[in-house]
Amino acid sequence: MIEIIEKTTDKDTGNVSVSFRVDRNQKNIFKWTRTKTANQIRAMGVDVGEMLSGEDVCNKPNFPSQYIFVFKSNKLDPKQEKDIDKPEETVILKKTRSRKPKKTTGG
């Protein structure tokens, strides 16, 4: 039904672009939604994450023959910072005086 032409990864954002071609020589006419097409791409063995952009795919003559879908990468971002346990800091509490001083009259 579809044939994957190219898979590229953007180095800046880490997004994966998958371009594919629709087989127009099929006797049966099909129209897939974006999510069904993304599931079909994943079933073909392409390792991608969440879909960012795409459109409905059909093999009718008035639809385009090539499509490009953009996905997030499944790999973790190497620039992502990890949470590291920091050593506990000691806190010193100072006692405050809660009574007011008495006024004394000199004498």
N, C-alpha and C. Protein backbone atom coordinates (compact mmCIF):
# COMPACT_ATOMS: atom_id res chain seq x y z
N MET A 1 0.81 -1.19 0.00
CA MET A 1 0.00 0.00 0.00
C MET A 1 0.86 1.26 0.00
N ILE A 2 1.82 1.35 0.97
CA ILE A 2 2.74 2.48 0.98
C ILE A 2 4.17 1.96 0.95
N GLU A 3 5.06 2.78 0.42
CA GLU A 3 6.47 2.43 0.33
C GLU A 3 7.28 3.57 0.91
N ILE A 4 8.10 3.28 1.91
CA ILE A 4 8.90 4.32 2.57
C ILE A 4 10.08 4.66 1.68
N ILE A 5 10.21 5.95 1.37
CA ILE A 5 11.29 6.43 0.50
C ILE A 5 12.51 6.83 1.32
N GLU A 6 12.27 7.64 2.37
CA GLU A 6 13.40 8.21 3.10
C GLU A 6 13.01 8.47 4.55
N LYS A 7 13.99 8.32 5.44
CA LYS A 7 13.82 8.64 6.86
C LYS A 7 15.01 9.50 7.26
N THR A 8 14.75 10.73 7.72
CA THR A 8 15.81 11.64 8.12
C THR A 8 15.55 12.14 9.54
N THR A 9 16.63 12.44 10.25
CA THR A 9 16.54 12.97 11.60
C THR A 9 17.15 14.36 11.64
N ASP A 10 16.40 15.31 12.17
CA ASP A 10 16.89 16.68 12.31
C ASP A 10 17.79 16.74 13.54
N LYS A 11 19.02 17.23 13.36
CA LYS A 11 19.99 17.24 14.47
C LYS A 11 19.63 18.28 15.52
N ASP A 12 19.03 19.40 15.12
CA ASP A 12 18.72 20.46 16.08
C ASP A 12 17.56 20.08 16.99
N THR A 13 16.45 19.65 16.40
CA THR A 13 15.26 19.36 17.19
C THR A 13 15.13 17.90 17.55
N GLY A 14 15.77 17.00 16.82
CA GLY A 14 15.66 15.58 17.08
C GLY A 14 14.42 14.94 16.48
N ASN A 15 13.68 15.70 15.66
CA ASN A 15 12.47 15.16 15.03
C ASN A 15 12.85 14.26 13.86
N VAL A 16 12.01 13.25 13.62
CA VAL A 16 12.24 12.30 12.54
C VAL A 16 11.22 12.56 11.44
N SER A 17 11.71 12.79 10.20
CA SER A 17 10.84 12.98 9.04
C SER A 17 10.83 11.71 8.21
N VAL A 18 9.64 11.20 7.95
CA VAL A 18 9.48 9.98 7.14
C VAL A 18 8.71 10.36 5.89
N SER A 19 9.34 10.17 4.73
CA SER A 19 8.64 10.42 3.47
C SER A 19 8.33 9.08 2.82
N PHE A 20 7.12 8.97 2.28
CA PHE A 20 6.70 7.71 1.67
C PHE A 20 5.83 7.97 0.45
N ARG A 21 5.70 6.95 -0.35
CA ARG A 21 4.95 7.02 -1.60
C ARG A 21 3.76 6.06 -1.51
N VAL A 22 2.64 6.45 -2.10
CA VAL A 22 1.44 5.63 -2.12
C VAL A 22 1.42 4.86 -3.44
N ASP A 23 1.09 3.56 -3.36
CA ASP A 23 1.01 2.73 -4.56
C ASP A 23 -0.35 2.97 -5.24
N ARG A 24 -0.32 3.60 -6.41
CA ARG A 24 -1.55 3.92 -7.13
C ARG A 24 -2.04 2.77 -8.02
N ASN A 25 -1.28 1.70 -8.15
CA ASN A 25 -1.66 0.59 -9.00
C ASN A 25 -2.55 -0.42 -8.29
N GLN A 26 -2.97 -0.13 -7.08
CA GLN A 26 -3.86 -1.01 -6.34
C GLN A 26 -5.26 -0.97 -6.95
N LYS A 27 -5.92 -2.10 -6.98
CA LYS A 27 -7.31 -2.14 -7.47
C LYS A 27 -8.25 -1.55 -6.43
N ASN A 28 -7.94 -1.78 -5.16
CA ASN A 28 -8.79 -1.25 -4.09
C ASN A 28 -8.38 0.17 -3.75
N ILE A 29 -9.35 1.00 -3.51
CA ILE A 29 -9.09 2.38 -3.10
C ILE A 29 -9.14 2.43 -1.58
N PHE A 30 -8.15 3.08 -0.99
CA PHE A 30 -8.13 3.19 0.46
C PHE A 30 -7.93 4.65 0.85
N LYS A 31 -8.44 4.98 2.03
CA LYS A 31 -8.22 6.31 2.62
C LYS A 31 -7.97 6.08 4.10
N TRP A 32 -6.77 6.48 4.55
CA TRP A 32 -6.37 6.28 5.93
C TRP A 32 -6.31 7.62 6.65
N THR A 33 -6.62 7.59 7.94
CA THR A 33 -6.46 8.79 8.76
C THR A 33 -4.98 8.94 9.12
N ARG A 34 -4.66 10.06 9.73
CA ARG A 34 -3.26 10.31 10.14
C ARG A 34 -2.77 9.24 11.12
N THR A 35 -3.61 8.90 12.10
CA THR A 35 -3.18 7.95 13.12
C THR A 35 -3.03 6.55 12.55
N LYS A 36 -3.92 6.16 11.66
CA LYS A 36 -3.81 4.83 11.05
C LYS A 36 -2.55 4.74 10.19
N THR A 37 -2.24 5.82 9.48
CA THR A 37 -1.02 5.85 8.67
C THR A 37 0.21 5.78 9.55
N ALA A 38 0.21 6.50 10.67
CA ALA A 38 1.35 6.47 11.61
C ALA A 38 1.53 5.06 12.18
N ASN A 39 0.43 4.39 12.50
CA ASN A 39 0.52 3.02 13.00
C ASN A 39 1.06 2.08 11.92
N GLN A 40 0.70 2.33 10.67
CA GLN A 40 1.20 1.51 9.57
C GLN A 40 2.71 1.71 9.39
N ILE A 41 3.18 2.95 9.54
CA ILE A 41 4.61 3.24 9.44
C ILE A 41 5.37 2.53 10.56
N ARG A 42 4.81 2.57 11.78
CA ARG A 42 5.45 1.87 12.90
C ARG A 42 5.46 0.36 12.67
N ALA A 43 4.39 -0.17 12.06
CA ALA A 43 4.31 -1.61 11.79
C ALA A 43 5.33 -2.04 10.74
N MET A 44 5.77 -1.11 9.90
CA MET A 44 6.75 -1.42 8.88
C MET A 44 8.17 -1.45 9.46
N GLY A 45 8.33 -1.14 10.74
CA GLY A 45 9.62 -1.26 11.40
C GLY A 45 10.37 0.04 11.59
N VAL A 46 9.73 1.17 11.35
CA VAL A 46 10.38 2.46 11.55
C VAL A 46 10.18 2.86 13.01
N ASP A 47 11.27 3.14 13.72
CA ASP A 47 11.23 3.48 15.14
C ASP A 47 11.00 4.98 15.30
N VAL A 48 9.76 5.37 15.59
CA VAL A 48 9.39 6.78 15.76
C VAL A 48 8.54 6.92 17.01
N GLY A 49 8.45 8.14 17.50
CA GLY A 49 7.65 8.43 18.69
C GLY A 49 6.31 9.02 18.32
N GLU A 50 5.93 10.06 19.05
CA GLU A 50 4.64 10.72 18.86
C GLU A 50 4.62 11.50 17.54
N MET A 51 3.47 11.48 16.84
CA MET A 51 3.35 12.17 15.56
C MET A 51 3.15 13.67 15.80
N LEU A 52 3.93 14.49 15.08
CA LEU A 52 3.81 15.94 15.17
C LEU A 52 3.01 16.51 14.01
N SER A 53 3.22 16.00 12.79
CA SER A 53 2.46 16.51 11.65
C SER A 53 2.25 15.40 10.63
N GLY A 54 1.17 15.51 9.91
CA GLY A 54 0.81 14.54 8.89
C GLY A 54 -0.58 14.86 8.38
N GLU A 55 -1.06 14.09 7.42
CA GLU A 55 -2.38 14.33 6.86
C GLU A 55 -2.98 13.01 6.43
N ASP A 56 -4.27 13.05 6.05
CA ASP A 56 -4.93 11.84 5.58
C ASP A 56 -4.30 11.36 4.28
N VAL A 57 -4.21 10.04 4.11
CA VAL A 57 -3.55 9.45 2.96
C VAL A 57 -4.59 8.68 2.15
N CYS A 58 -4.55 8.88 0.83
CA CYS A 58 -5.49 8.19 -0.05
C CYS A 58 -4.80 7.92 -1.38
N ASN A 59 -5.24 6.85 -2.09
CA ASN A 59 -4.63 6.55 -3.38
C ASN A 59 -5.53 6.94 -4.56
N LYS A 60 -6.49 7.81 -4.34
CA LYS A 60 -7.32 8.33 -5.43
C LYS A 60 -6.49 9.28 -6.28
N PRO A 61 -6.89 9.49 -7.53
CA PRO A 61 -6.09 10.34 -8.42
C PRO A 61 -5.97 11.80 -7.99
N ASN A 62 -6.95 12.35 -7.28
CA ASN A 62 -6.88 13.77 -6.91
C ASN A 62 -6.07 14.00 -5.63
N PHE A 63 -5.55 12.95 -5.00
CA PHE A 63 -4.71 13.09 -3.81
C PHE A 63 -3.24 13.03 -4.23
N PRO A 64 -2.32 13.61 -3.43
CA PRO A 64 -0.90 13.54 -3.79
C PRO A 64 -0.37 12.11 -3.70
N SER A 65 0.72 11.86 -4.40
CA SER A 65 1.29 10.51 -4.41
C SER A 65 2.39 10.34 -3.37
N GLN A 66 2.96 11.44 -2.87
CA GLN A 66 4.01 11.37 -1.84
C GLN A 66 3.60 12.22 -0.64
N TYR A 67 3.96 11.73 0.54
CA TYR A 67 3.62 12.40 1.79
C TYR A 67 4.85 12.44 2.68
N ILE A 68 4.85 13.41 3.61
CA ILE A 68 5.91 13.52 4.61
C ILE A 68 5.24 13.65 5.98
N PHE A 69 5.60 12.75 6.88
CA PHE A 69 5.12 12.79 8.25
C PHE A 69 6.30 13.12 9.16
N VAL A 70 6.06 13.92 10.20
CA VAL A 70 7.11 14.29 11.15
C VAL A 70 6.74 13.72 12.51
N PHE A 71 7.70 13.04 13.14
CA PHE A 71 7.50 12.40 14.43
C PHE A 71 8.56 12.89 15.41
N LYS A 72 8.27 12.74 16.71
CA LYS A 72 9.29 12.95 17.73
C LYS A 72 10.17 11.71 17.77
N SER A 73 11.38 11.89 18.21
CA SER A 73 12.31 10.76 18.30
C SER A 73 12.00 9.96 19.56
N ASN A 74 12.20 8.64 19.50
CA ASN A 74 12.01 7.79 20.67
C ASN A 74 13.19 7.86 21.62
N LYS A 75 14.34 8.27 21.14
CA LYS A 75 15.54 8.30 21.98
C LYS A 75 15.50 9.49 22.92
N LEU A 76 16.11 9.31 24.10
CA LEU A 76 16.18 10.41 25.06
C LEU A 76 17.14 11.47 24.57
N ASP A 77 16.85 12.70 24.87
CA ASP A 77 17.68 13.81 24.47
C ASP A 77 18.97 13.79 25.29
N PRO A 78 20.15 13.74 24.65
CA PRO A 78 21.38 13.68 25.43
C PRO A 78 21.65 14.96 26.21
N LYS A 79 21.04 16.07 25.83
CA LYS A 79 21.25 17.34 26.52
C LYS A 79 20.40 17.45 27.77
N GLN A 80 19.48 16.51 27.96
CA GLN A 80 18.58 16.58 29.10
C GLN A 80 19.36 16.36 30.39
N GLU A 81 19.14 17.23 31.37
CA GLU A 81 19.85 17.13 32.63
C GLU A 81 19.18 16.10 33.52
N LYS A 82 20.00 15.39 34.26
CA LYS A 82 19.48 14.39 35.18
C LYS A 82 19.42 14.98 36.58
N ASP A 83 18.44 14.54 37.35
CA ASP A 83 18.32 14.99 38.73
C ASP A 83 19.35 14.25 39.58
N ILE A 84 20.16 14.99 40.28
CA ILE A 84 21.19 14.40 41.13
C ILE A 84 20.88 14.81 42.57
N ASP A 85 20.98 13.84 43.47
CA ASP A 85 20.74 14.14 44.88
C ASP A 85 21.87 15.01 45.41
N LYS A 86 21.49 16.11 45.99
CA LYS A 86 22.48 17.02 46.56
C LYS A 86 22.62 16.71 48.05
N PRO A 87 23.81 16.92 48.62
CA PRO A 87 23.98 16.65 50.05
C PRO A 87 23.15 17.62 50.88
N GLU A 88 22.68 17.13 52.01
CA GLU A 88 21.84 17.96 52.86
C GLU A 88 22.67 19.07 53.51
N GLU A 89 22.10 20.23 53.59
CA GLU A 89 22.77 21.35 54.24
C GLU A 89 22.24 21.48 55.66
N THR A 90 23.14 21.77 56.60
CA THR A 90 22.71 21.94 57.99
C THR A 90 22.14 23.34 58.16
N VAL A 91 21.08 23.41 58.91
CA VAL A 91 20.41 24.69 59.15
C VAL A 91 20.49 24.98 60.64
N ILE A 92 20.92 26.18 60.99
CA ILE A 92 21.03 26.59 62.39
C ILE A 92 19.90 27.56 62.68
N LEU A 93 19.08 27.19 63.65
CA LEU A 93 17.97 28.05 64.05
C LEU A 93 18.40 28.88 65.24
N LYS A 94 18.18 30.17 65.17
CA LYS A 94 18.52 31.04 66.28
C LYS A 94 17.27 31.30 67.09
N LYS A 95 17.45 31.27 68.42
CA LYS A 95 16.32 31.51 69.31
C LYS A 95 16.02 32.99 69.33
N THR A 96 14.76 33.28 69.15
CA THR A 96 14.36 34.69 69.20
C THR A 96 13.65 34.93 70.52
N ARG A 97 13.77 36.14 71.01
CA ARG A 97 13.16 36.48 72.29
C ARG A 97 11.70 36.81 72.04
N SER A 98 10.82 36.13 72.80
CA SER A 98 9.40 36.32 72.58
C SER A 98 8.81 37.36 73.55
N ARG A 99 9.51 37.68 74.63
CA ARG A 99 9.00 38.67 75.59
C ARG A 99 9.51 40.06 75.27
N LYS A 100 8.69 40.99 75.56
CA LYS A 100 9.13 42.36 75.41
C LYS A 100 9.90 42.77 76.67
N PRO A 101 10.94 43.54 76.51
CA PRO A 101 11.66 43.97 77.74
C PRO A 101 10.82 44.95 78.56
N LYS A 102 10.93 44.83 79.88
CA LYS A 102 10.18 45.73 80.76
C LYS A 102 10.83 47.10 80.76
N LYS A 103 9.94 48.07 80.81
CA LYS A 103 10.46 49.44 80.89
C LYS A 103 10.73 49.74 82.36
N THR A 104 11.91 50.13 82.62
CA THR A 104 12.23 50.47 84.01
C THR A 104 12.36 51.98 84.11
N THR A 105 11.93 52.45 85.19
CA THR A 105 12.05 53.89 85.42
C THR A 105 13.30 54.12 86.27
N GLY A 106 14.05 55.01 85.86
CA GLY A 106 15.27 55.30 86.60
C GLY A 106 14.99 56.03 87.89
N GLY A 107 15.77 55.86 88.81
CA GLY A 107 15.43 56.52 89.95
C GLY A 107 16.17 56.99 90.99
